[in-house]
Amino acid sequence: MSALLTLQERAFETAKILLEKYQNPNDLKLEENSDLEDSYTILITLLYTEKLDMEEQLKILSIIDEMKLLDENR
């Protein structure tokens, strides 16, 4: 298995970790079969509703930037 995670995998893992850390304050749901859009919605919600530390904010912004690049290339 490759050590490099896909964008979808990174978004899912980041959303999962942050939901656990912030005890899911907005009753957000993340299933194992969640797609990239589900993870994106959760990451954006957490970015705007929680006091994330700088590293967490940068991780989310990196995922968002990569998603924008993918959209532009479609």
Protein backbone atom coordinates (compact mmCIF):
# COMPACT_ATOMS: atom_id res chain seq x y z
CA MET A 1 0.00 0.00 0.00
CA SER A 2 1.27 3.44 -0.88
CA ALA A 3 2.33 5.79 1.89
CA LEU A 4 0.75 8.65 -0.01
CA LEU A 5 -2.91 9.22 0.77
CA THR A 6 -5.39 10.47 -1.77
CA LEU A 7 -7.07 13.83 -1.29
CA GLN A 8 -10.28 12.05 -0.31
CA GLU A 9 -8.46 9.93 2.27
CA ARG A 10 -6.65 12.94 3.76
CA ALA A 11 -9.87 14.96 3.93
CA PHE A 12 -11.70 12.06 5.59
CA GLU A 13 -8.94 11.39 8.14
CA THR A 14 -8.60 15.09 9.00
CA ALA A 15 -12.37 15.49 9.42
CA LYS A 16 -12.55 12.33 11.54
CA ILE A 17 -9.72 13.42 13.85
CA LEU A 18 -11.08 16.94 14.29
CA LEU A 19 -14.64 15.71 14.93
CA GLU A 20 -13.29 13.47 17.69
CA LYS A 21 -11.15 16.26 19.15
CA TYR A 22 -13.90 18.87 19.16
CA GLN A 23 -16.57 16.39 20.29
CA ASN A 24 -18.74 17.08 17.27
CA PRO A 25 -20.36 20.33 18.49
CA ASN A 26 -22.65 20.70 15.45
CA ASP A 27 -23.86 17.07 15.41
CA LEU A 28 -21.98 16.46 12.16
CA LYS A 29 -21.93 12.92 10.78
CA LEU A 30 -19.03 11.23 9.01
CA GLU A 31 -19.49 7.68 7.76
CA GLU A 32 -16.77 5.32 6.54
CA ASN A 33 -18.19 5.62 3.01
CA SER A 34 -18.34 9.44 3.09
CA ASP A 35 -17.26 11.13 -0.09
CA LEU A 36 -14.99 14.12 -0.53
CA GLU A 37 -17.89 16.59 -0.39
CA ASP A 38 -19.02 15.24 3.01
CA SER A 39 -15.53 15.67 4.43
CA TYR A 40 -15.23 19.12 2.84
CA THR A 41 -18.50 20.26 4.46
CA ILE A 42 -17.33 19.09 7.87
CA LEU A 43 -13.91 20.71 7.50
CA ILE A 44 -15.42 24.05 6.44
CA THR A 45 -17.92 23.93 9.31
CA LEU A 46 -15.17 23.24 11.84
CA LEU A 47 -12.96 25.94 10.33
CA TYR A 48 -15.68 28.55 10.90
CA THR A 49 -17.16 27.32 14.19
CA GLU A 50 -14.20 26.10 16.25
CA LYS A 51 -11.05 27.71 17.57
CA LEU A 52 -8.65 25.44 15.71
CA ASP A 53 -4.94 25.70 16.27
CA MET A 54 -2.78 26.97 13.42
CA GLU A 55 -1.65 23.51 12.32
CA GLU A 56 -5.26 22.30 12.05
CA GLN A 57 -6.26 25.41 10.09
CA LEU A 58 -3.36 24.95 7.68
CA LYS A 59 -4.20 21.28 7.15
CA ILE A 60 -7.79 22.19 6.25
CA LEU A 61 -6.71 25.04 3.98
CA SER A 62 -4.27 22.74 2.19
CA ILE A 63 -7.08 20.27 1.45
CA ILE A 64 -9.36 23.09 0.26
CA ASP A 65 -6.64 24.49 -2.01
CA GLU A 66 -6.05 21.08 -3.55
CA MET A 67 -9.79 20.65 -4.13
CA LYS A 68 -9.91 24.03 -5.89
CA LEU A 69 -7.04 22.96 -8.16
CA LEU A 70 -8.87 19.78 -9.07
CA ASP A 71 -12.04 21.74 -9.86
CA GLU A 72 -10.15 24.15 -12.06
CA ASN A 73 -8.66 21.27 -14.03
CA ARG A 74 -12.05 19.73 -14.83
